Every structure is written in C-alpha cells, then in structure tokens.
Protein backbone atom coordinates (compact mmCIF):
# COMPACT_ATOMS: atom_id res chain seq x y z
CA ALA A 1 -33.66 1.62 2.20
CA THR A 2 -35.52 1.57 -1.08
CA TRP A 3 -34.66 0.26 -4.61
CA PHE A 4 -35.71 2.13 -7.76
CA LYS A 5 -35.51 0.44 -10.97
CA GLY A 6 -36.01 2.32 -14.22
CA PHE A 7 -36.66 0.58 -17.96
CA ASP A 8 -38.06 2.12 -21.05
CA GLY A 9 -41.50 2.16 -20.60
CA MET A 10 -41.55 1.16 -16.94
CA ALA A 11 -40.54 2.07 -13.55
CA LYS A 12 -40.68 0.71 -9.95
CA MET A 13 -39.64 1.91 -6.58
CA TYR A 14 -39.81 -0.52 -3.61
CA GLU A 15 -38.95 -1.61 0.03
CA VAL A 16 -39.32 -5.09 0.48
CA SER A 17 -41.36 -5.37 3.07
CA THR A 18 -43.35 -1.71 3.23
CA PHE A 19 -44.31 -0.64 -0.48
CA TYR A 20 -44.36 -1.04 -3.94
CA ASN A 21 -45.12 1.60 -6.42
CA ARG A 22 -45.23 1.16 -10.38
CA VAL A 23 -45.60 3.38 -13.36
CA ASP A 24 -45.83 2.23 -17.18
CA ASP A 25 -45.43 4.38 -20.23
CA PHE A 26 -44.74 7.55 -18.85
CA ASP A 27 -42.35 9.95 -20.95
CA GLN A 28 -40.43 11.03 -17.64
CA VAL A 29 -39.97 9.36 -14.35
CA ILE A 30 -38.17 10.96 -11.36
CA ALA A 31 -37.42 9.05 -8.57
CA SER A 32 -36.19 10.97 -5.15
CA ALA A 33 -34.32 9.20 -2.06
CA VAL A 34 -34.14 10.48 1.24
CA GLY A 35 -31.29 8.41 3.04
CA SER A 36 -28.00 7.07 2.94
CA ASP A 37 -28.14 3.32 1.59
CA ASP A 38 -30.77 3.50 -0.93
CA THR A 39 -30.28 2.14 -4.92
CA ALA A 40 -31.29 3.08 -8.20
CA LYS A 41 -30.58 0.64 -11.30
CA LEU A 42 -31.15 2.01 -14.79
CA TYR A 43 -31.60 -0.35 -17.57
CA ASP A 44 -31.20 0.64 -21.32
CA SER A 45 -33.73 -0.04 -24.17
CA PRO A 46 -32.94 -1.72 -27.76
CA GLY A 47 -31.85 2.01 -28.95
CA ALA A 48 -28.93 4.20 -28.76
CA ASP A 49 -29.27 5.27 -24.80
CA ALA A 50 -27.10 7.71 -22.75
CA LEU A 51 -26.57 7.65 -19.20
CA GLU A 52 -25.31 10.84 -17.28
CA ALA A 53 -24.35 10.64 -13.64
CA TYR A 54 -23.44 13.17 -10.96
CA ALA A 55 -22.91 12.75 -7.22
CA ASP A 56 -26.56 13.46 -6.41
CA ARG A 57 -28.25 12.53 -9.72
CA GLY A 58 -28.39 9.77 -12.43
CA THR A 59 -30.40 10.33 -15.63
CA MET A 60 -30.77 7.32 -18.50
CA THR A 61 -32.18 9.11 -21.54
CA TYR A 62 -33.71 6.54 -24.12
CA ALA A 63 -33.56 6.77 -28.00
CA ASP A 64 -37.09 7.36 -28.18
CA GLY A 65 -36.70 10.54 -25.94
CA THR A 66 -38.16 9.27 -22.73
CA VAL A 67 -36.16 9.82 -19.33
CA VAL A 68 -35.80 7.88 -16.11
CA GLN A 69 -33.97 9.92 -13.46
CA ALA A 70 -32.75 9.00 -9.97
CA GLU A 71 -32.13 11.95 -7.39
CA ASN A 72 -30.10 11.47 -4.16
CA PHE A 73 -29.65 8.04 -4.31
CA ARG A 74 -26.56 6.45 -2.74
CA TRP A 75 -25.67 4.06 -5.46
CA VAL A 76 -26.92 4.76 -9.23
CA LEU A 77 -25.99 1.55 -11.54
CA GLY A 78 -26.50 1.54 -15.01
CA TYR A 79 -26.99 -1.51 -17.30
CA ALA A 80 -26.48 -1.64 -20.98
CA SER A 81 -27.25 -4.44 -23.22
CA ASP A 82 -25.55 -5.84 -26.57
CA ASP A 83 -28.17 -4.64 -28.87
CA GLY A 84 -25.95 -3.11 -31.66
CA GLN A 85 -26.67 0.22 -30.78
CA VAL A 86 -23.80 2.57 -29.23
CA ASP A 87 -24.88 3.30 -25.40
CA THR A 88 -22.69 5.90 -23.72
CA ALA A 89 -22.15 6.61 -20.17
CA HIS A 90 -20.65 9.95 -18.67
CA PHE A 91 -19.88 10.74 -15.21
CA TYR A 92 -19.24 13.56 -13.09
CA ASP A 93 -17.62 14.09 -9.57
CA THR A 94 -20.00 17.19 -8.72
CA THR A 95 -23.15 17.60 -7.79
CA ALA A 96 -25.75 18.44 -10.59
CA ASP A 97 -25.93 21.98 -9.78
CA LEU A 98 -22.02 22.08 -9.34
CA GLY A 99 -22.44 23.28 -6.08
CA ALA A 100 -19.89 20.73 -4.54
CA SER A 101 -16.81 18.60 -5.97
CA TYR A 102 -15.58 15.48 -4.60
CA ALA A 103 -12.19 13.69 -4.32
CA THR A 104 -13.15 10.69 -6.61
CA TRP A 105 -11.79 7.44 -7.83
CA PHE A 106 -12.61 6.37 -11.47
CA LYS A 107 -11.91 2.95 -12.39
CA ALA A 108 -12.62 1.43 -15.89
CA ASP A 109 -11.93 -2.26 -16.78
CA ASP A 110 -13.28 -3.84 -19.85
CA GLY A 111 -17.11 -3.88 -19.49
CA ILE A 112 -17.26 -2.02 -16.32
CA ALA A 113 -16.53 1.57 -14.96
CA ARG A 114 -17.24 3.29 -11.76
CA LEU A 115 -16.79 6.71 -9.95
CA TYR A 116 -17.10 7.10 -6.41
CA ALA A 117 -16.26 8.96 -3.24
CA ASP A 118 -16.46 7.09 -0.12
CA PRO A 119 -18.83 7.23 1.72
CA VAL A 120 -21.02 9.86 -0.48
CA PHE A 121 -21.76 7.96 -3.76
CA TYR A 122 -21.15 5.49 -6.12
CA VAL A 123 -21.99 5.40 -9.98
CA GLN A 124 -21.50 2.55 -12.11
CA ALA A 125 -22.07 1.93 -15.90
CA ARG A 126 -21.90 -2.03 -17.06
CA ASP A 127 -21.23 -2.92 -20.55
CA PHE A 128 -21.66 0.72 -22.53
CA ASP A 129 -19.77 0.97 -25.46
CA GLY A 130 -18.23 4.26 -24.22
CA VAL A 131 -17.86 5.60 -20.87
CA SER A 132 -16.58 9.02 -19.98
CA ALA A 133 -15.69 10.85 -16.51
CA THR A 134 -14.92 14.13 -15.93
CA ALA A 135 -13.25 15.54 -12.60
CA VAL A 136 -13.42 19.00 -11.12
CA GLY A 137 -10.59 19.61 -8.60
CA ASP A 138 -6.97 18.65 -7.86
CA ASP A 139 -7.06 15.25 -6.06
CA ASP A 140 -9.09 12.74 -8.26
CA THR A 141 -7.58 9.68 -9.56
CA ALA A 142 -8.55 7.56 -12.77
CA LYS A 143 -7.12 4.24 -13.27
CA LEU A 144 -8.18 2.27 -16.97
CA PHE A 145 -7.58 -1.23 -17.39
CA ASP A 146 -7.26 -3.32 -20.62
CA SER A 147 -9.10 -5.91 -22.00
CA ALA A 148 -7.85 -9.72 -22.91
CA LEU A 149 -7.16 -8.39 -26.48
CA ASP A 150 -4.63 -5.94 -28.09
CA ASP A 151 -5.67 -2.33 -26.94
CA ALA A 152 -4.35 0.99 -27.05
CA TYR A 153 -4.14 3.75 -24.29
CA TRP A 154 -2.95 7.24 -24.60
CA SER A 155 -2.65 10.08 -21.78
CA ARG A 156 -2.40 13.70 -22.04
CA PRO A 157 -1.80 16.21 -19.26
CA ASP A 158 -5.92 16.67 -19.16
CA HIS A 159 -7.22 13.61 -21.08
CA SER A 160 -6.59 9.75 -20.65
CA ARG A 161 -8.35 7.05 -22.87
CA MET A 162 -8.30 3.30 -23.17
CA ASN A 163 -9.15 2.04 -26.81
CA TYR A 164 -10.22 -1.39 -26.44
CA ALA A 165 -9.74 -4.00 -29.48
CA ASP A 166 -13.58 -4.32 -29.74
CA GLY A 167 -14.07 -0.72 -30.63
CA THR A 168 -15.68 0.46 -27.04
CA PHE A 169 -13.28 2.92 -24.86
CA ALA A 170 -13.32 4.48 -21.54
CA GLU A 171 -11.58 8.14 -20.88
CA ALA A 172 -11.09 10.37 -18.22
CA PHE A 173 -10.91 14.17 -18.35
CA ASP A 174 -9.12 16.34 -16.17
CA PHE A 175 -7.90 14.12 -13.55
CA ARG A 176 -4.73 14.65 -11.62
CA TYR A 177 -3.87 11.54 -11.29
CA MET A 178 -3.90 8.93 -14.27
CA TYR A 179 -3.09 5.40 -14.58
CA GLY A 180 -3.04 2.98 -17.28
CA TYR A 181 -2.84 -0.97 -16.75
CA SER A 182 -1.77 -3.96 -19.21
CA ARG A 183 -2.49 -7.22 -17.99
CA ASN A 184 -2.67 -9.20 -21.46
CA GLY A 185 -2.05 -8.98 -25.04
CA SER A 186 0.50 -6.80 -27.13
CA ASP A 187 -1.22 -3.47 -25.82
CA THR A 188 0.55 -0.22 -26.65
CA ALA A 189 0.64 3.19 -24.42
CA THR A 190 1.65 6.79 -25.45
CA LEU A 191 2.16 9.48 -23.12
CA TYR A 192 2.24 13.26 -24.19
CA ASP A 193 3.36 16.13 -22.25
CA GLU A 194 0.70 18.33 -24.11
CA THR A 195 -2.88 19.15 -23.28
CA ALA A 196 -5.71 18.46 -26.21
CA GLY A 197 -5.83 22.25 -26.33
CA GLY A 198 -2.07 22.51 -27.06
CA THR A 199 -0.58 23.60 -24.14
CA SER A 200 2.96 21.53 -23.17
CA TYR A 201 4.52 21.35 -19.90
CA ALA A 202 8.26 20.83 -19.27
CA ALA A 203 7.59 17.37 -18.27
CA ARG A 204 9.75 14.39 -16.97
CA PHE A 205 9.79 10.57 -17.89
CA ALA A 206 11.20 7.57 -16.23
CA GLY A 207 10.85 4.53 -17.80
CA TYR A 208 11.59 1.20 -15.82
CA ALA A 209 11.32 -2.67 -16.62
CA THR A 210 7.73 -3.10 -16.04
CA TRP A 211 6.35 0.47 -15.49
CA GLY A 212 6.88 4.03 -17.17
CA LYS A 213 5.52 7.62 -15.65
CA ILE A 214 5.42 11.13 -17.16
CA TYR A 215 4.85 14.02 -14.60
CA HIS A 216 4.66 17.83 -14.15
CA GLY A 217 3.52 19.97 -11.27
CA ALA A 218 0.08 19.87 -12.97
CA PHE A 219 -0.39 16.22 -13.59
CA TYR A 220 0.88 12.65 -13.02
CA SER A 221 0.42 9.75 -15.78
CA ARG A 222 1.67 6.30 -14.87
CA THR A 223 1.58 3.06 -17.08
CA GLU A 224 2.10 -0.59 -16.14
CA GLY A 225 2.67 -3.98 -17.97
CA PHE A 226 2.69 -2.56 -21.60
CA ALA A 227 4.42 -4.36 -24.15
CA GLU A 228 5.19 -1.04 -26.08
CA LEU A 229 5.40 2.54 -24.41
CA ARG A 230 6.07 5.82 -26.18
CA ALA A 231 6.89 9.18 -24.72
CA ALA A 232 6.10 11.74 -27.03
CA PHE A 233 7.29 15.40 -26.08
CA THR A 234 6.19 18.71 -27.15
CA GLY A 235 8.71 21.78 -26.05
CA GLY A 236 12.25 22.22 -25.47
CA ASP A 237 13.20 21.25 -21.76
CA ASP A 238 11.74 17.90 -21.32
CA ARG A 239 14.13 15.35 -19.54
CA VAL A 240 13.95 11.58 -19.60
CA TRP A 241 15.37 8.53 -17.46
CA LEU A 242 15.51 5.01 -18.84
CA HIS A 243 16.28 2.08 -16.53
CA ASP A 244 17.16 -1.43 -17.76
CA ASP A 245 15.33 -4.60 -16.73
CA PRO A 246 17.78 -6.22 -14.34
CA THR A 247 16.58 -9.80 -15.33
CA ARG A 248 17.04 -9.16 -19.37
CA VAL A 249 19.69 -7.92 -21.81
CA ASP A 250 18.66 -4.26 -22.98
CA HIS A 251 19.73 -2.41 -25.69
CA VAL A 252 19.68 1.42 -26.19
CA VAL A 253 19.82 3.37 -29.24
CA VAL A 254 20.02 7.12 -29.08
CA ARG A 255 19.73 9.32 -32.36
CA PHE A 256 20.51 12.87 -32.00
CA PRO A 257 19.63 15.96 -34.24
CA GLY A 258 22.00 15.79 -37.17
CA ASP A 259 21.10 12.14 -38.42
CA VAL A 260 19.66 12.96 -41.71
CA ASP A 261 16.84 10.07 -40.95
CA HIS A 262 15.55 11.89 -37.82
CA ALA A 263 14.67 15.79 -37.47
CA ALA A 264 14.81 15.41 -33.45
CA ALA A 265 16.50 13.62 -30.82
CA LYS A 266 14.96 10.11 -30.32
CA ALA A 267 15.92 7.08 -28.01
CA LYS A 268 14.64 3.18 -28.07
CA LEU A 269 15.18 1.09 -25.13
CA TRP A 270 14.18 -2.70 -25.76
CA ASN A 271 14.61 -6.18 -24.90
CA ASP A 272 12.90 -9.46 -25.46
CA ARG A 273 9.88 -8.33 -23.77
CA ARG A 274 9.21 -4.53 -23.93
CA VAL A 275 10.08 -1.60 -25.84
CA ILE A 276 10.28 1.92 -24.94
CA TYR A 277 10.38 4.74 -27.54
CA ILE A 278 11.22 8.59 -26.80
CA ASP A 279 10.37 11.26 -29.07
CA ASP A 280 11.95 14.78 -29.20
CA PHE A 281 13.53 15.08 -25.63
CA HIS A 282 15.85 17.48 -24.25
CA THR A 283 17.91 15.58 -22.23
CA LEU A 284 18.29 11.73 -21.72
CA THR A 285 20.21 9.77 -18.89
CA ALA A 286 20.35 5.74 -19.31
CA THR A 287 20.83 3.72 -16.32
CA THR A 288 21.77 0.03 -16.15
CA SER A 289 22.30 -2.53 -13.11
CA GLU A 290 25.15 -3.74 -15.45
CA GLU A 291 27.69 -2.05 -17.45
CA PHE A 292 27.01 -0.31 -20.71
CA GLU A 293 28.95 -1.74 -23.84
CA ASP A 294 29.63 1.20 -26.19
CA ASP A 295 29.35 -0.98 -29.05
CA LYS A 296 28.29 0.04 -32.51
CA GLU A 297 26.83 -3.39 -33.44
CA ILE A 298 24.62 -5.10 -30.82
CA ASP A 299 25.94 -8.32 -29.48
CA PRO A 300 23.26 -10.43 -27.59
CA ALA A 301 26.05 -12.23 -25.52
CA ASN A 302 26.69 -8.75 -24.14
CA VAL A 303 24.95 -7.50 -20.99
CA ASP A 304 23.75 -4.11 -21.71
CA ASP A 305 24.39 -2.21 -25.07
CA VAL A 306 24.11 1.17 -26.15
CA ILE A 307 24.48 2.84 -29.73
CA LEU A 308 25.01 6.48 -30.37
CA ASP A 309 23.79 7.41 -33.55
CA GLY A 310 23.52 10.60 -35.38
CA ASN A 311 25.97 13.94 -34.89
CA TRP A 312 27.10 14.33 -31.66
CA ALA A 313 28.06 17.93 -31.73
CA ASP A 314 24.34 18.84 -32.31
CA ALA A 315 23.15 16.67 -29.47
CA PRO A 316 21.04 19.04 -27.01
C-alpha cells in the first residue's frame, strides 16, 4: 500500500517500511499503482495549475508545462494554495479511456470537493478556485454546499453551479440528481427548466417552508435553506405548487397576463424568513395549513393572505 506525492519539480513514491523512490526536476512524472489501497497526493505550484482526475487517473499540469500523473490509485487528492493564481480542477466519473462509467457522488463544500464511487475510487480537490465535475450515466448525484458568506446557486437540467462570494465556484455537469444547500448568510438560488443549450422541459416545481424542487423525467434538482428561491420557466406547460410555512404568516401574490406591468404569469410567496419567486408558469396551486384570506391588502394580523393581480380572464 504505497504513497505517491507529486510537486512541481519533485515527486516521490514510498511504502513506509519497504522502499523510497524520488525524482527531481523531470518534465513529466508518471506513477502507477497496483492494488486497492494506494494514495496519491498532488500539490500545486505558485502558478495557475490544473488538476484533471478520472476514476483511474489523476494529472496535475503546472503553469510551467510540467506534469505529474498518478495512474490506478484508489485515492487521488489534489491540493492548491492561496498564491493569488487561479487553480482549477475537473473531475470525471469515467475511466480515462471512457471504457467504464460509475454511479458517482459529487460533493462540494466551500474549499473542498470530492467525487467518488465506493469502493472503486475517490478523488478530491482542496482549496482550488474552481472545481467542475462531469457525469456520464443516469444515476449520479451532485451536492453543492454554501460558504459562510452570501452565495448564489443556480441549476439547469444539465448544469448546476454554486458561485461563492469570494469568487470561487463549484459546478456539476450532466448529473441526474442535483442538490443545493444554504446554511449561512442570505443565499439565493435559481432553478431553470431549460438546459444551457436551449432545450426546455415541461417541468414541475414545488416550494415548501425550507426547501424547493424542480423536476422532470430527465432531471431532478432540489434546494434547501435558501432565503431567496426563484423558479424560472420556459415553455407552455409548467406547473407549480406552493406550500406555506405552518409556523409563519405567509403571503401570496399572483400576477396574471394582462397586468400592464407583467408580460406573463408570475407569483411570489413570502414571509419574514424566506421568499419564493415564480416566473412564467402555466398552472399554479397554492396550499396553506390555514385558511386563505382573499384580501386586496395584506394584513399581518391575518393568517395567510392571497392577492390576485391582473386580468383574470387572461389567466392560463
């Protein structure tokens, strides 16, 4: 069970009691493992470096063009430093020759990201400025977590991304299941029913007291804990369900086509803790644990309120 450590200008492989090999100043270093419990650690340089990791290979390409590569290691761990340069990492859930793909988990927290399929492989990037993961298959899951600051998350059927307040990011491509988590700050989230390439789906959105989800047969995206959540639809058959918070006074405004200030149906549900915006839906159902007060003016003393705004005759 060996350890391999690669740096810009030096690399070493060893087993504590058996052997120790080291090379210095080579332009390319390749380490190959045979076994099931070997670990490779790849460290960045003071320049802008790039880590690329597959299920069976991890490669650190340095700013000066040199390369350190680890093949067939069970664990590949990449480390970046706060050197003022932009270090990036990209993970894949396949072998390097695309000969096999795995049902993987991608988890990114502020400063650390990992992609893994137990017990086959585990790759990790720590303190990189940007981390991306690409999935191949139909049963992969990505979970992106916020930082302690005010971050922004968005998700499309084929791409989700957490933009951190410090300018770094983590993103996932082509995962079947995508989750965004907010635990701190005034984070925002936007969920789309359209891919980056322009394909839209007849999606369904459900918003609850602390979480929301948008889904279709081709994808599933869920958020938890965001202070502001927006569902942005494209197409003609999107459906929305909004649920109140049983512990708070909720207010709903629904604006239909025909309102001079709005070109399409829009809705907003809010209380003193969170707000949900809905853009361009086709059908909306609002459910409350209390009785709705159909009132043109919101009275905080009431339980849950609803305001219908616009031309009802033009409603979808």
